[in-house]
């Protein structure tokens, strides 16, 4: 189930934990969290799925709808322009639980 279509009160905790009230199969709203640091990394200033610990190097982390944005440092110490990654591409709602797919 699409997480953004079946969630409300979506926000970030500590810059890397996605929180939402998510609808389960019975129509109940339940709290769910998923640690994005387990699935997203920083590869030379770009967000990368199947990486880890993006928030360790990211600055000014924001959630804009379902778009995670941040300033990510490159290997040379500089920064690219603000980067974003669409969470709905790989985060889903499975019966009231946010999961990585």
N, C-alpha and C. Protein backbone atom coordinates (compact mmCIF):
# COMPACT_ATOMS: atom_id res chain seq x y z
N UNK A 1 0.85 -1.18 0.00
CA UNK A 1 0.00 0.00 0.00
C UNK A 1 0.89 1.24 0.00
N UNK A 2 0.57 2.20 -0.82
CA UNK A 2 1.31 3.46 -0.91
C UNK A 2 1.34 4.14 0.46
N UNK A 3 2.53 4.45 0.96
CA UNK A 3 2.58 5.00 2.31
C UNK A 3 2.02 6.42 2.37
N UNK A 4 2.27 7.25 1.37
CA UNK A 4 1.79 8.62 1.44
C UNK A 4 0.28 8.72 1.31
N UNK A 5 -0.34 7.81 0.58
CA UNK A 5 -1.79 7.84 0.42
C UNK A 5 -2.52 7.26 1.62
N UNK A 6 -1.80 6.51 2.47
CA UNK A 6 -2.44 5.85 3.61
C UNK A 6 -1.83 6.29 4.94
N UNK A 7 -1.24 7.50 4.94
CA UNK A 7 -0.61 8.02 6.15
C UNK A 7 -1.02 9.46 6.40
N UNK A 8 -0.89 9.86 7.64
CA UNK A 8 -1.10 11.26 8.01
C UNK A 8 -0.10 11.59 9.10
N UNK A 9 0.04 12.87 9.38
CA UNK A 9 0.98 13.34 10.41
C UNK A 9 2.40 12.83 10.14
N UNK A 10 2.85 12.95 8.91
CA UNK A 10 4.17 12.46 8.51
C UNK A 10 5.22 13.50 8.89
N UNK A 11 6.26 13.07 9.61
CA UNK A 11 7.35 13.98 9.94
C UNK A 11 8.61 13.18 10.26
N UNK A 12 9.73 13.90 10.43
CA UNK A 12 11.01 13.29 10.78
C UNK A 12 11.30 13.52 12.25
N UNK A 13 11.81 12.50 12.91
CA UNK A 13 12.33 12.61 14.27
C UNK A 13 13.85 12.48 14.17
N UNK A 14 14.58 13.34 14.86
CA UNK A 14 16.04 13.28 14.91
C UNK A 14 16.69 13.30 13.53
N UNK A 15 16.00 13.81 12.53
CA UNK A 15 16.57 13.96 11.20
C UNK A 15 16.67 12.70 10.37
N UNK A 16 16.29 11.53 10.92
CA UNK A 16 16.42 10.30 10.13
C UNK A 16 15.36 9.25 10.42
N UNK A 17 14.49 9.49 11.36
CA UNK A 17 13.44 8.52 11.66
C UNK A 17 12.12 9.05 11.11
N UNK A 18 11.59 8.35 10.11
CA UNK A 18 10.32 8.74 9.50
C UNK A 18 9.20 8.24 10.40
N UNK A 19 8.33 9.16 10.80
CA UNK A 19 7.18 8.85 11.63
C UNK A 19 5.92 9.14 10.83
N UNK A 20 4.90 8.30 11.02
CA UNK A 20 3.59 8.57 10.43
C UNK A 20 2.52 7.80 11.20
N UNK A 21 1.32 8.33 11.19
CA UNK A 21 0.15 7.56 11.58
C UNK A 21 -0.31 6.89 10.30
N UNK A 22 -0.34 5.56 10.32
CA UNK A 22 -0.55 4.77 9.12
C UNK A 22 -1.81 3.92 9.27
N UNK A 23 -2.57 3.81 8.19
CA UNK A 23 -3.81 3.05 8.21
C UNK A 23 -3.52 1.57 7.96
N UNK A 24 -4.09 0.70 8.81
CA UNK A 24 -3.93 -0.74 8.59
C UNK A 24 -5.12 -1.27 7.77
N UNK A 25 -5.14 -2.58 7.52
CA UNK A 25 -6.19 -3.19 6.68
C UNK A 25 -7.60 -3.00 7.23
N UNK A 26 -7.72 -2.89 8.56
CA UNK A 26 -9.03 -2.73 9.18
C UNK A 26 -9.47 -1.27 9.25
N UNK A 27 -8.62 -0.36 8.77
CA UNK A 27 -8.96 1.05 8.79
C UNK A 27 -8.55 1.77 10.06
N UNK A 28 -7.79 1.10 10.92
CA UNK A 28 -7.31 1.72 12.15
C UNK A 28 -6.04 2.52 11.87
N UNK A 29 -5.89 3.64 12.57
CA UNK A 29 -4.69 4.45 12.45
C UNK A 29 -3.71 4.04 13.55
N UNK A 30 -2.50 3.66 13.16
CA UNK A 30 -1.48 3.23 14.11
C UNK A 30 -0.19 4.01 13.86
N UNK A 31 0.56 4.25 14.92
CA UNK A 31 1.84 4.92 14.79
C UNK A 31 2.88 3.95 14.24
N UNK A 32 3.70 4.46 13.33
CA UNK A 32 4.77 3.64 12.77
C UNK A 32 5.99 4.51 12.55
N UNK A 33 7.16 3.92 12.73
CA UNK A 33 8.44 4.60 12.51
C UNK A 33 9.36 3.69 11.73
N UNK A 34 10.22 4.32 10.92
CA UNK A 34 11.26 3.57 10.23
C UNK A 34 12.52 4.44 10.20
N UNK A 35 13.65 3.84 10.53
CA UNK A 35 14.92 4.55 10.57
C UNK A 35 15.50 4.60 9.16
N UNK A 36 15.48 5.76 8.54
CA UNK A 36 15.96 5.92 7.17
C UNK A 36 17.47 5.72 7.07
N UNK A 37 18.20 5.87 8.18
CA UNK A 37 19.65 5.62 8.18
C UNK A 37 19.99 4.17 7.83
N UNK A 38 19.04 3.28 7.94
CA UNK A 38 19.28 1.86 7.60
C UNK A 38 19.22 1.62 6.10
N UNK A 39 18.71 2.61 5.31
CA UNK A 39 18.44 2.37 3.89
C UNK A 39 18.97 3.45 2.96
N UNK A 40 19.38 4.60 3.51
CA UNK A 40 19.82 5.72 2.67
C UNK A 40 21.21 6.16 3.12
N UNK A 41 22.08 6.36 2.13
CA UNK A 41 23.42 6.83 2.41
C UNK A 41 23.73 8.11 1.65
N UNK A 42 24.95 8.59 1.85
CA UNK A 42 25.47 9.75 1.12
C UNK A 42 26.65 9.26 0.29
N UNK A 43 26.52 9.35 -1.03
CA UNK A 43 27.59 8.94 -1.94
C UNK A 43 28.11 10.18 -2.66
N UNK A 44 29.17 10.75 -2.13
CA UNK A 44 29.83 11.92 -2.73
C UNK A 44 28.86 13.07 -2.97
N UNK A 45 27.99 13.32 -1.99
CA UNK A 45 27.06 14.44 -2.08
C UNK A 45 25.72 14.13 -2.71
N UNK A 46 25.46 12.85 -2.97
CA UNK A 46 24.17 12.41 -3.53
C UNK A 46 23.51 11.43 -2.56
N UNK A 47 22.19 11.54 -2.41
CA UNK A 47 21.46 10.51 -1.67
C UNK A 47 21.57 9.20 -2.43
N UNK A 48 21.66 8.08 -1.70
CA UNK A 48 21.80 6.78 -2.34
C UNK A 48 20.96 5.75 -1.58
N UNK A 49 19.99 5.12 -2.30
CA UNK A 49 19.26 3.99 -1.72
C UNK A 49 20.24 2.85 -1.51
N UNK A 50 19.95 1.99 -0.56
CA UNK A 50 20.77 0.84 -0.20
C UNK A 50 22.11 1.26 0.41
N UNK A 51 22.20 2.50 0.85
CA UNK A 51 23.34 2.97 1.63
C UNK A 51 22.93 3.03 3.09
N UNK A 52 23.78 3.61 3.90
CA UNK A 52 23.47 3.73 5.33
C UNK A 52 23.98 5.07 5.88
N UNK A 53 23.33 5.50 6.94
CA UNK A 53 23.79 6.60 7.79
C UNK A 53 23.94 7.95 7.08
N UNK A 54 23.02 8.28 6.18
CA UNK A 54 23.09 9.57 5.50
C UNK A 54 23.12 10.73 6.49
N UNK A 55 22.39 10.60 7.61
CA UNK A 55 22.26 11.74 8.53
C UNK A 55 23.56 12.04 9.28
N UNK A 56 24.50 11.10 9.28
CA UNK A 56 25.78 11.36 9.96
C UNK A 56 26.55 12.49 9.29
N UNK A 57 26.34 12.67 7.99
CA UNK A 57 27.08 13.71 7.27
C UNK A 57 26.19 14.83 6.75
N UNK A 58 24.88 14.67 6.78
CA UNK A 58 23.95 15.64 6.19
C UNK A 58 23.74 16.85 7.09
N UNK A 59 23.47 17.98 6.44
CA UNK A 59 23.12 19.21 7.14
C UNK A 59 21.75 19.67 6.68
N UNK A 60 21.04 20.35 7.59
CA UNK A 60 19.75 20.95 7.28
C UNK A 60 18.80 19.94 6.64
N UNK A 61 18.59 18.81 7.31
CA UNK A 61 17.70 17.75 6.83
C UNK A 61 16.25 18.20 6.97
N UNK A 62 15.49 18.03 5.90
CA UNK A 62 14.06 18.42 5.91
C UNK A 62 13.22 17.36 5.21
N UNK A 63 11.96 17.32 5.60
CA UNK A 63 10.98 16.50 4.90
C UNK A 63 9.98 17.46 4.26
N UNK A 64 9.90 17.44 2.94
CA UNK A 64 9.00 18.30 2.18
C UNK A 64 7.98 17.40 1.50
N UNK A 65 6.86 17.16 2.19
CA UNK A 65 5.90 16.15 1.73
C UNK A 65 6.52 14.79 1.96
N UNK A 66 6.81 14.07 0.88
CA UNK A 66 7.51 12.79 0.99
C UNK A 66 8.91 12.87 0.39
N UNK A 67 9.37 14.09 0.12
CA UNK A 67 10.71 14.31 -0.40
C UNK A 67 11.65 14.64 0.75
N UNK A 68 12.64 13.78 0.96
CA UNK A 68 13.67 14.01 1.97
C UNK A 68 14.75 14.87 1.32
N UNK A 69 15.08 16.01 1.92
CA UNK A 69 16.10 16.88 1.35
C UNK A 69 17.16 17.19 2.40
N UNK A 70 18.36 17.50 1.92
CA UNK A 70 19.46 17.86 2.82
C UNK A 70 20.61 18.42 1.99
N UNK A 71 21.53 19.05 2.69
CA UNK A 71 22.80 19.44 2.11
C UNK A 71 23.77 18.32 2.46
N UNK A 72 24.36 17.71 1.43
CA UNK A 72 25.23 16.55 1.62
C UNK A 72 26.65 16.89 1.16
N UNK A 73 27.64 16.62 2.02
CA UNK A 73 29.02 16.92 1.63
C UNK A 73 29.55 15.91 0.62
N UNK A 74 30.45 16.41 -0.22
CA UNK A 74 31.16 15.56 -1.17
C UNK A 74 32.47 15.11 -0.55
N UNK A 75 33.13 14.18 -1.19
CA UNK A 75 34.41 13.67 -0.69
C UNK A 75 35.46 14.76 -0.54
N UNK A 76 35.42 15.76 -1.45
CA UNK A 76 36.43 16.82 -1.41
C UNK A 76 36.14 17.89 -0.36
N UNK A 77 35.04 17.71 0.40
CA UNK A 77 34.69 18.64 1.46
C UNK A 77 33.70 19.71 1.04
N UNK A 78 33.47 19.87 -0.26
CA UNK A 78 32.48 20.82 -0.74
C UNK A 78 31.07 20.26 -0.65
N UNK A 79 30.12 21.05 -1.08
CA UNK A 79 28.72 20.64 -1.06
C UNK A 79 28.11 20.84 -2.43
N UNK A 80 27.25 19.92 -2.82
CA UNK A 80 26.44 20.10 -4.01
C UNK A 80 25.28 21.00 -3.64
N UNK A 81 24.48 21.40 -4.64
CA UNK A 81 23.24 22.10 -4.30
C UNK A 81 22.36 21.13 -3.51
N UNK A 82 21.37 21.64 -2.83
CA UNK A 82 20.48 20.82 -1.99
C UNK A 82 20.00 19.60 -2.77
N UNK A 83 20.09 18.42 -2.14
CA UNK A 83 19.70 17.16 -2.77
C UNK A 83 18.39 16.66 -2.18
N UNK A 84 17.69 15.83 -2.95
CA UNK A 84 16.44 15.25 -2.48
C UNK A 84 16.29 13.82 -2.94
N UNK A 85 15.53 13.06 -2.17
CA UNK A 85 15.22 11.67 -2.53
C UNK A 85 13.76 11.42 -2.17
N UNK A 86 13.01 10.86 -3.11
CA UNK A 86 11.57 10.63 -2.94
C UNK A 86 11.36 9.35 -2.13
N UNK A 87 10.88 9.50 -0.91
CA UNK A 87 10.72 8.34 -0.02
C UNK A 87 9.66 7.37 -0.51
N UNK A 88 8.65 7.85 -1.21
CA UNK A 88 7.59 6.95 -1.68
C UNK A 88 8.08 5.96 -2.73
N UNK A 89 9.28 6.16 -3.27
CA UNK A 89 9.84 5.19 -4.21
C UNK A 89 10.16 3.86 -3.54
N UNK A 90 10.55 3.90 -2.25
CA UNK A 90 11.00 2.67 -1.59
C UNK A 90 10.41 2.44 -0.20
N UNK A 91 9.59 3.36 0.28
CA UNK A 91 8.95 3.18 1.58
C UNK A 91 7.47 2.91 1.34
N UNK A 92 6.96 1.88 1.97
CA UNK A 92 5.56 1.49 1.77
C UNK A 92 4.88 1.26 3.12
N UNK A 93 3.58 1.17 3.06
CA UNK A 93 2.76 0.82 4.23
C UNK A 93 2.31 -0.62 4.03
N UNK A 94 2.74 -1.49 4.91
CA UNK A 94 2.26 -2.87 4.90
C UNK A 94 1.47 -3.13 6.16
N UNK A 95 0.16 -3.04 6.01
CA UNK A 95 -0.79 -3.28 7.09
C UNK A 95 -0.47 -2.46 8.35
N UNK A 96 -0.22 -1.17 8.15
CA UNK A 96 0.00 -0.29 9.30
C UNK A 96 1.44 -0.20 9.76
N UNK A 97 2.37 -0.66 8.96
CA UNK A 97 3.79 -0.59 9.31
C UNK A 97 4.57 -0.03 8.14
N UNK A 98 5.39 1.00 8.41
CA UNK A 98 6.27 1.55 7.39
C UNK A 98 7.40 0.57 7.14
N UNK A 99 7.62 0.20 5.87
CA UNK A 99 8.67 -0.77 5.53
C UNK A 99 9.43 -0.30 4.30
N UNK A 100 10.67 -0.76 4.18
CA UNK A 100 11.51 -0.52 3.02
C UNK A 100 11.27 -1.63 2.02
N UNK A 101 11.01 -1.26 0.77
CA UNK A 101 10.77 -2.27 -0.27
C UNK A 101 11.77 -2.13 -1.40
